PDB file of N, CA and C in Angstrom:
ATOM      1  N   MET A   1      62.701  89.100  95.636  1.00  0.00           N
ATOM      2  CA  MET A   1      63.712  88.926  96.670  1.00  0.00           C
ATOM      3  C   MET A   1      65.062  89.396  96.125  1.00  0.00           C
ATOM      4  N   VAL A   2      65.791  90.093  96.953  1.00  0.00           N
ATOM      5  CA  VAL A   2      67.105  90.618  96.582  1.00  0.00           C
ATOM      6  C   VAL A   2      68.143  89.488  96.613  1.00  0.00           C
ATOM      7  N   SER A   3      69.075  89.538  95.675  1.00  0.00           N
ATOM      8  CA  SER A   3      70.118  88.515  95.593  1.00  0.00           C
ATOM      9  C   SER A   3      71.463  89.113  95.991  1.00  0.00           C
ATOM     10  N   PRO A   4      72.451  88.267  96.282  1.00  0.00           N
ATOM     11  CA  PRO A   4      73.798  88.778  96.558  1.00  0.00           C
ATOM     12  C   PRO A   4      74.330  89.623  95.398  1.00  0.00           C
ATOM     13  N   GLU A   5      74.043  89.229  94.168  1.00  0.00           N
ATOM     14  CA  GLU A   5      74.503  89.993  93.002  1.00  0.00           C
ATOM     15  C   GLU A   5      73.856  91.377  92.964  1.00  0.00           C
ATOM     16  N   ASP A   6      72.582  91.470  93.350  1.00  0.00           N
ATOM     17  CA  ASP A   6      71.907  92.772  93.419  1.00  0.00           C
ATOM     18  C   ASP A   6      72.625  93.688  94.401  1.00  0.00           C
ATOM     19  N   ILE A   7      72.919  93.176  95.581  1.00  0.00           N
ATOM     20  CA  ILE A   7      73.584  93.980  96.605  1.00  0.00           C
ATOM     21  C   ILE A   7      74.961  94.417  96.123  1.00  0.00           C
ATOM     22  N   LYS A   8      75.685  93.514  95.487  1.00  0.00           N
ATOM     23  CA  LYS A   8      77.003  93.848  94.920  1.00  0.00           C
ATOM     24  C   LYS A   8      76.866  95.015  93.943  1.00  0.00           C
ATOM     25  N   GLN A   9      75.887  94.954  93.069  1.00  0.00           N
ATOM     26  CA  GLN A   9      75.681  96.019  92.083  1.00  0.00           C
ATOM     27  C   GLN A   9      75.292  97.330  92.745  1.00  0.00           C
ATOM     28  N   TYR A  10      74.454  97.284  93.777  1.00  0.00           N
ATOM     29  CA  TYR A  10      74.059  98.502  94.492  1.00  0.00           C
ATOM     30  C   TYR A  10      75.288  99.177  95.114  1.00  0.00           C
ATOM     31  N   ILE A  11      76.128  98.373  95.758  1.00  0.00           N
ATOM     32  CA  ILE A  11      77.326  98.924  96.404  1.00  0.00           C
ATOM     33  C   ILE A  11      78.260  99.520  95.351  1.00  0.00           C
ATOM     34  N   GLU A  12      78.493  98.787  94.276  1.00  0.00           N
ATOM     35  CA  GLU A  12      79.402  99.265  93.226  1.00  0.00           C
ATOM     36  C   GLU A  12      78.866 100.521  92.532  1.00  0.00           C
ATOM     37  N   ALA A  13      77.562 100.681  92.475  1.00  0.00           N
ATOM     38  CA  ALA A  13      76.979 101.878  91.859  1.00  0.00           C
ATOM     39  C   ALA A  13      77.187 103.111  92.733  1.00  0.00           C
ATOM     40  N   GLY A  14      77.319 102.898  94.057  1.00  0.00           N
ATOM     41  CA  GLY A  14      77.439 104.019  94.974  1.00  0.00           C
ATOM     42  C   GLY A  14      78.834 104.301  95.482  1.00  0.00           C
ATOM     43  N   LEU A  15      79.747 103.349  95.305  1.00  0.00           N
ATOM     44  CA  LEU A  15      81.131 103.501  95.772  1.00  0.00           C
ATOM     45  C   LEU A  15      82.088 102.997  94.700  1.00  0.00           C
ATOM     46  N   ALA A  16      83.207 103.673  94.563  1.00  0.00           N
ATOM     47  CA  ALA A  16      84.238 103.221  93.628  1.00  0.00           C
ATOM     48  C   ALA A  16      85.095 102.176  94.335  1.00  0.00           C
ATOM     49  N   CYS A  17      84.663 100.930  94.253  1.00  0.00           N
ATOM     50  CA  CYS A  17      85.320  99.838  94.980  1.00  0.00           C
ATOM     51  C   CYS A  17      86.294  99.080  94.080  1.00  0.00           C
ATOM     52  N   GLN A  18      87.344  98.582  94.705  1.00  0.00           N
ATOM     53  CA  GLN A  18      88.285  97.731  93.982  1.00  0.00           C
ATOM     54  C   GLN A  18      87.761  96.291  93.943  1.00  0.00           C
ATOM     55  N   GLU A  19      87.011  95.925  94.974  1.00  0.00           N
ATOM     56  CA  GLU A  19      86.485  94.564  95.034  1.00  0.00           C
ATOM     57  C   GLU A  19      85.260  94.543  95.941  1.00  0.00           C
ATOM     58  N   VAL A  20      84.243  93.802  95.517  1.00  0.00           N
ATOM     59  CA  VAL A  20      83.050  93.583  96.335  1.00  0.00           C
ATOM     60  C   VAL A  20      82.661  92.121  96.173  1.00  0.00           C
ATOM     61  N   LYS A  21      82.551  91.428  97.289  1.00  0.00           N
ATOM     62  CA  LYS A  21      82.105  90.037  97.285  1.00  0.00           C
ATOM     63  C   LYS A  21      80.919  89.948  98.243  1.00  0.00           C
ATOM     64  N   VAL A  22      79.808  89.415  97.770  1.00  0.00           N
ATOM     65  CA  VAL A  22      78.606  89.289  98.598  1.00  0.00           C
ATOM     66  C   VAL A  22      78.085  87.869  98.494  1.00  0.00           C
ATOM     67  N   SER A  23      77.752  87.306  99.633  1.00  0.00           N
ATOM     68  CA  SER A  23      77.109  85.997  99.663  1.00  0.00           C
ATOM     69  C   SER A  23      75.898  86.101 100.573  1.00  0.00           C
ATOM     70  N   GLY A  24      74.982  85.166 100.439  1.00  0.00           N
ATOM     71  CA  GLY A  24      73.819  85.185 101.304  1.00  0.00           C
ATOM     72  C   GLY A  24      72.713  84.296 100.790  1.00  0.00           C
ATOM     73  N   ASP A  25      71.661  84.211 101.603  1.00  0.00           N
ATOM     74  CA  ASP A  25      70.560  83.300 101.311  1.00  0.00           C
ATOM     75  C   ASP A  25      69.250  84.010 100.944  1.00  0.00           C
ATOM     76  N   GLY A  26      69.315  85.307 100.677  1.00  0.00           N
ATOM     77  CA  GLY A  26      68.113  86.049 100.355  1.00  0.00           C
ATOM     78  C   GLY A  26      67.556  86.826 101.536  1.00  0.00           C
ATOM     79  N   GLN A  27      67.962  86.459 102.728  1.00  0.00           N
ATOM     80  CA  GLN A  27      67.557  87.161 103.946  1.00  0.00           C
ATOM     81  C   GLN A  27      68.755  87.751 104.678  1.00  0.00           C
ATOM     82  N   HIS A  28      69.805  86.943 104.817  1.00  0.00           N
ATOM     83  CA  HIS A  28      71.027  87.349 105.520  1.00  0.00           C
ATOM     84  C   HIS A  28      72.177  87.349 104.526  1.00  0.00           C
ATOM     85  N   PHE A  29      72.946  88.436 104.553  1.00  0.00           N
ATOM     86  CA  PHE A  29      74.031  88.591 103.599  1.00  0.00           C
ATOM     87  C   PHE A  29      75.328  88.934 104.312  1.00  0.00           C
ATOM     88  N   GLU A  30      76.442  88.540 103.681  1.00  0.00           N
ATOM     89  CA  GLU A  30      77.779  88.884 104.149  1.00  0.00           C
ATOM     90  C   GLU A  30      78.530  89.501 102.980  1.00  0.00           C
ATOM     91  N   ALA A  31      79.275  90.566 103.267  1.00  0.00           N
ATOM     92  CA  ALA A  31      80.006  91.247 102.201  1.00  0.00           C
ATOM     93  C   ALA A  31      81.425  91.575 102.626  1.00  0.00           C
ATOM     94  N   ILE A  32      82.333  91.482 101.665  1.00  0.00           N
ATOM     95  CA  ILE A  32      83.692  92.003 101.797  1.00  0.00           C
ATOM     96  C   ILE A  32      83.770  93.133 100.784  1.00  0.00           C
ATOM     97  N   ILE A  33      84.122  94.315 101.274  1.00  0.00           N
ATOM     98  CA  ILE A  33      84.128  95.504 100.426  1.00  0.00           C
ATOM     99  C   ILE A  33      85.495  96.173 100.541  1.00  0.00           C
ATOM    100  N   VAL A  34      86.173  96.314  99.417  1.00  0.00           N
ATOM    101  CA  VAL A  34      87.506  96.913  99.372  1.00  0.00           C
ATOM    102  C   VAL A  34      87.395  98.232  98.609  1.00  0.00           C
ATOM    103  N   CYS A  35      87.785  99.327  99.297  1.00  0.00           N
ATOM    104  CA  CYS A  35      87.578 100.647  98.706  1.00  0.00           C
ATOM    105  C   CYS A  35      88.625 101.640  99.219  1.00  0.00           C
ATOM    106  N   ASP A  36      89.180 102.438  98.306  1.00  0.00           N
ATOM    107  CA  ASP A  36      90.136 103.484  98.690  1.00  0.00           C
ATOM    108  C   ASP A  36      89.526 104.492  99.652  1.00  0.00           C
ATOM    109  N   GLN A  37      88.237 104.754  99.514  1.00  0.00           N
ATOM    110  CA  GLN A  37      87.571 105.763 100.343  1.00  0.00           C
ATOM    111  C   GLN A  37      87.546 105.393 101.825  1.00  0.00           C
ATOM    112  N   PHE A  38      87.849 104.154 102.168  1.00  0.00           N
ATOM    113  CA  PHE A  38      87.856 103.733 103.569  1.00  0.00           C
ATOM    114  C   PHE A  38      89.124 104.178 104.302  1.00  0.00           C
ATOM    115  N   ALA A  39      90.147 104.558 103.568  1.00  0.00           N
ATOM    116  CA  ALA A  39      91.429 104.932 104.175  1.00  0.00           C
ATOM    117  C   ALA A  39      91.247 106.081 105.160  1.00  0.00           C
ATOM    118  N   GLY A  40      91.794 105.899 106.371  1.00  0.00           N
ATOM    119  CA  GLY A  40      91.761 106.934 107.393  1.00  0.00           C
ATOM    120  C   GLY A  40      90.431 107.093 108.102  1.00  0.00           C
ATOM    121  N   LYS A  41      89.450 106.263 107.758  1.00  0.00           N
ATOM    122  CA  LYS A  41      88.132 106.362 108.389  1.00  0.00           C
ATOM    123  C   LYS A  41      87.945 105.247 109.420  1.00  0.00           C
ATOM    124  N   SER A  42      87.156 105.527 110.429  1.00  0.00           N
ATOM    125  CA  SER A  42      86.830 104.505 111.422  1.00  0.00           C
ATOM    126  C   SER A  42      85.947 103.442 110.776  1.00  0.00           C
ATOM    127  N   ARG A  43      85.836 102.306 111.417  1.00  0.00           N
ATOM    128  CA  ARG A  43      84.975 101.227 110.918  1.00  0.00           C
ATOM    129  C   ARG A  43      83.533 101.719 110.773  1.00  0.00           C
ATOM    130  N   VAL A  44      83.073 102.507 111.739  1.00  0.00           N
ATOM    131  CA  VAL A  44      81.709 103.050 111.678  1.00  0.00           C
ATOM    132  C   VAL A  44      81.547 103.950 110.454  1.00  0.00           C
ATOM    133  N   ALA A  45      82.509 104.819 110.206  1.00  0.00           N
ATOM    134  CA  ALA A  45      82.443 105.714 109.047  1.00  0.00           C
ATOM    135  C   ALA A  45      82.495 104.927 107.734  1.00  0.00           C
ATOM    136  N   GLN A  46      83.279 103.862 107.712  1.00  0.00           N
ATOM    137  CA  GLN A  46      83.342 103.012 106.523  1.00  0.00           C
ATOM    138  C   GLN A  46      81.984 102.377 106.251  1.00  0.00           C
ATOM    139  N   HIS A  47      81.365 101.848 107.301  1.00  0.00           N
ATOM    140  CA  HIS A  47      80.056 101.205 107.155  1.00  0.00           C
ATOM    141  C   HIS A  47      79.000 102.226 106.745  1.00  0.00           C
ATOM    142  N   GLN A  48      79.115 103.444 107.238  1.00  0.00           N
ATOM    143  CA  GLN A  48      78.169 104.486 106.846  1.00  0.00           C
ATOM    144  C   GLN A  48      78.270 104.783 105.352  1.00  0.00           C
ATOM    145  N   LEU A  49      79.468 104.747 104.798  1.00  0.00           N
ATOM    146  CA  LEU A  49      79.634 104.930 103.356  1.00  0.00           C
ATOM    147  C   LEU A  49      78.884 103.842 102.581  1.00  0.00           C
ATOM    148  N   VAL A  50      78.981 102.623 103.066  1.00  0.00           N
ATOM    149  CA  VAL A  50      78.282 101.512 102.407  1.00  0.00           C
ATOM    150  C   VAL A  50      76.770 101.690 102.552  1.00  0.00           C
ATOM    151  N   TYR A  51      76.319 102.024 103.768  1.00  0.00           N
ATOM    152  CA  TYR A  51      74.885 102.238 103.981  1.00  0.00           C
ATOM    153  C   TYR A  51      74.367 103.362 103.095  1.00  0.00           C
ATOM    154  N   ASN A  52      75.145 104.416 102.916  1.00  0.00           N
ATOM    155  CA  ASN A  52      74.740 105.515 102.031  1.00  0.00           C
ATOM    156  C   ASN A  52      74.624 105.028 100.586  1.00  0.00           C
ATOM    157  N   ALA A  53      75.545 104.167 100.176  1.00  0.00           N
ATOM    158  CA  ALA A  53      75.485 103.618  98.813  1.00  0.00           C
ATOM    159  C   ALA A  53      74.233 102.761  98.626  1.00  0.00           C
ATOM    160  N   LEU A  54      73.831 102.057  99.670  1.00  0.00           N
ATOM    161  CA  LEU A  54      72.647 101.199  99.586  1.00  0.00           C
ATOM    162  C   LEU A  54      71.350 101.988  99.745  1.00  0.00           C
ATOM    163  N   GLY A  55      71.420 103.132 100.396  1.00  0.00           N
ATOM    164  CA  GLY A  55      70.249 103.994 100.546  1.00  0.00           C
ATOM    165  C   GLY A  55      69.082 103.304 101.238  1.00  0.00           C
ATOM    166  N   ASP A  56      67.888 103.563 100.739  1.00  0.00           N
ATOM    167  CA  ASP A  56      66.659 103.022 101.337  1.00  0.00           C
ATOM    168  C   ASP A  56      66.557 101.507 101.224  1.00  0.00           C
ATOM    169  N   ARG A  57      67.383 100.912 100.402  1.00  0.00           N
ATOM    170  CA  ARG A  57      67.338  99.448 100.253  1.00  0.00           C
ATOM    171  C   ARG A  57      67.633  98.744 101.581  1.00  0.00           C
ATOM    172  N   MET A  58      68.420  99.398 102.454  1.00  0.00           N
ATOM    173  CA  MET A  58      68.730  98.788 103.755  1.00  0.00           C
ATOM    174  C   MET A  58      67.464  98.651 104.601  1.00  0.00           C
ATOM    175  N   ARG A  59      66.514  99.517 104.414  1.00  0.00           N
ATOM    176  CA  ARG A  59      65.268  99.438 105.185  1.00  0.00           C
ATOM    177  C   ARG A  59      64.214  98.595 104.477  1.00  0.00           C
ATOM    178  N   GLN A  60      64.263  98.593 103.164  1.00  0.00           N
ATOM    179  CA  GLN A  60      63.184  97.974 102.398  1.00  0.00           C
ATOM    180  C   GLN A  60      63.498  96.569 101.893  1.00  0.00           C
ATOM    181  N   GLU A  61      64.678  96.369 101.350  1.00  0.00           N
ATOM    182  CA  GLU A  61      64.993  95.105 100.683  1.00  0.00           C
ATOM    183  C   GLU A  61      65.964  94.216 101.447  1.00  0.00           C
ATOM    184  N   ILE A  62      66.922  94.834 102.126  1.00  0.00           N
ATOM    185  CA  ILE A  62      68.000  94.088 102.774  1.00  0.00           C
ATOM    186  C   ILE A  62      67.736  94.055 104.269  1.00  0.00           C
ATOM    187  N   HIS A  63      67.529  92.868 104.805  1.00  0.00           N
ATOM    188  CA  HIS A  63      67.170  92.750 106.214  1.00  0.00           C
ATOM    189  C   HIS A  63      68.370  92.590 107.133  1.00  0.00           C
ATOM    190  N   ALA A  64      69.413  91.938 106.652  1.00  0.00           N
ATOM    191  CA  ALA A  64      70.599  91.737 107.484  1.00  0.00           C
ATOM    192  C   ALA A  64      71.842  91.688 106.597  1.00  0.00           C
ATOM    193  N   LEU A  65      72.766  92.603 106.863  1.00  0.00           N
ATOM    194  CA  LEU A  65      74.006  92.652 106.098  1.00  0.00           C
ATOM    195  C   LEU A  65      75.174  92.782 107.055  1.00  0.00           C
ATOM    196  N   SER A  66      76.011  91.758 107.064  1.00  0.00           N
ATOM    197  CA  SER A  66      77.258  91.783 107.820  1.00  0.00           C
ATOM    198  C   SER A  66      78.354  92.119 106.821  1.00  0.00           C
ATOM    199  N   MET A  67      79.184  93.102 107.162  1.00  0.00           N
ATOM    200  CA  MET A  67      80.203  93.489 106.200  1.00  0.00           C
ATOM    201  C   MET A  67      81.577  93.620 106.823  1.00  0.00           C
ATOM    202  N   ARG A  68      82.564  93.369 105.996  1.00  0.00           N
ATOM    203  CA  ARG A  68      83.966  93.591 106.355  1.00  0.00           C
ATOM    204  C   ARG A  68      84.482  94.610 105.361  1.00  0.00           C
ATOM    205  N   THR A  69      84.885  95.758 105.861  1.00  0.00           N
ATOM    206  CA  THR A  69      85.368  96.827 104.999  1.00  0.00           C
ATOM    207  C   THR A  69      86.883  96.935 105.135  1.00  0.00           C
ATOM    208  N   LEU A  70      87.551  97.046 103.983  1.00  0.00           N
ATOM    209  CA  LEU A  70      89.013  97.070 103.953  1.00  0.00           C
ATOM    210  C   LEU A  70      89.506  98.065 102.908  1.00  0.00           C
ATOM    211  N   THR A  71      90.667  98.641 103.171  1.00  0.00           N
ATOM    212  CA  THR A  71      91.346  99.422 102.142  1.00  0.00           C
ATOM    213  C   THR A  71      92.051  98.429 101.210  1.00  0.00           C
ATOM    214  N   PRO A  72      92.444  98.859 100.021  1.00  0.00           N
ATOM    215  CA  PRO A  72      93.188  97.950  99.142  1.00  0.00           C
ATOM    216  C   PRO A  72      94.473  97.413  99.789  1.00  0.00           C
ATOM    217  N   GLU A  73      95.139  98.244 100.595  1.00  0.00           N
ATOM    218  CA  GLU A  73      96.357  97.796 101.274  1.00  0.00           C
ATOM    219  C   GLU A  73      96.044  96.706 102.307  1.00  0.00           C
ATOM    220  N   GLN A  74      94.987  96.885 103.057  1.00  0.00           N
ATOM    221  CA  GLN A  74      94.588  95.873 104.040  1.00  0.00           C
ATOM    222  C   GLN A  74      94.191  94.574 103.338  1.00  0.00           C
ATOM    223  N   TRP A  75      93.492  94.684 102.227  1.00  0.00           N
ATOM    224  CA  TRP A  75      93.063  93.517 101.470  1.00  0.00           C
ATOM    225  C   TRP A  75      94.279  92.761 100.923  1.00  0.00           C
ATOM    226  N   ALA A  76      95.249  93.504 100.400  1.00  0.00           N
ATOM    227  CA  ALA A  76      96.462  92.865  99.857  1.00  0.00           C
ATOM    228  C   ALA A  76      97.222  92.152 100.971  1.00  0.00           C
ATOM    229  N   ALA A  77      97.331  92.772 102.151  1.00  0.00           N
ATOM    230  CA  ALA A  77      98.035  92.154 103.270  1.00  0.00           C
ATOM    231  C   ALA A  77      97.299  90.897 103.739  1.00  0.00           C
ATOM    232  N   LEU A  78      96.003  90.947 103.766  1.00  0.00           N
ATOM    233  CA  LEU A  78      95.200  89.799 104.196  1.00  0.00           C
ATOM    234  C   LEU A  78      95.351  88.635 103.214  1.00  0.00           C
ATOM    235  N   ARG A  79      95.355  88.951 101.956  1.00  0.00           N
ATOM    236  CA  ARG A  79      95.455  87.904 100.926  1.00  0.00           C
ATOM    237  C   ARG A  79      96.849  87.292 100.847  1.00  0.00           C
ATOM    238  N   SER A  80      97.869  88.027 101.304  1.00  0.00           N
ATOM    239  CA  SER A  80      99.242  87.498 101.215  1.00  0.00           C
ATOM    240  C   SER A  80      99.604  86.626 102.409  1.00  0.00           C
ATOM    241  N   GLN A  81      98.727  86.533 103.380  1.00  0.00           N
ATOM    242  CA  GLN A  81      99.027  85.716 104.579  1.00  0.00           C
ATOM    243  C   GLN A  81      98.889  84.254 104.286  1.00  0.00           C
TER     244      GLN A  81
END
């Protein structure tokens, strides 16, 4: 069974992220992903970058992943509130 730490490592291996936080119960996962590459991209394009980093694992190992994608600037603004 895949763990939140596994998913974090998969994402970090495929994207140069400033921060990745993943939680979940082995079936359903939630992630916050902060990455410079998200700048200027739509939410769909950002999620596609994450799906590309996860590759076939999204079909085989990970059944449900809810994610929040942010640029470092958005993350800093959110954390300062």
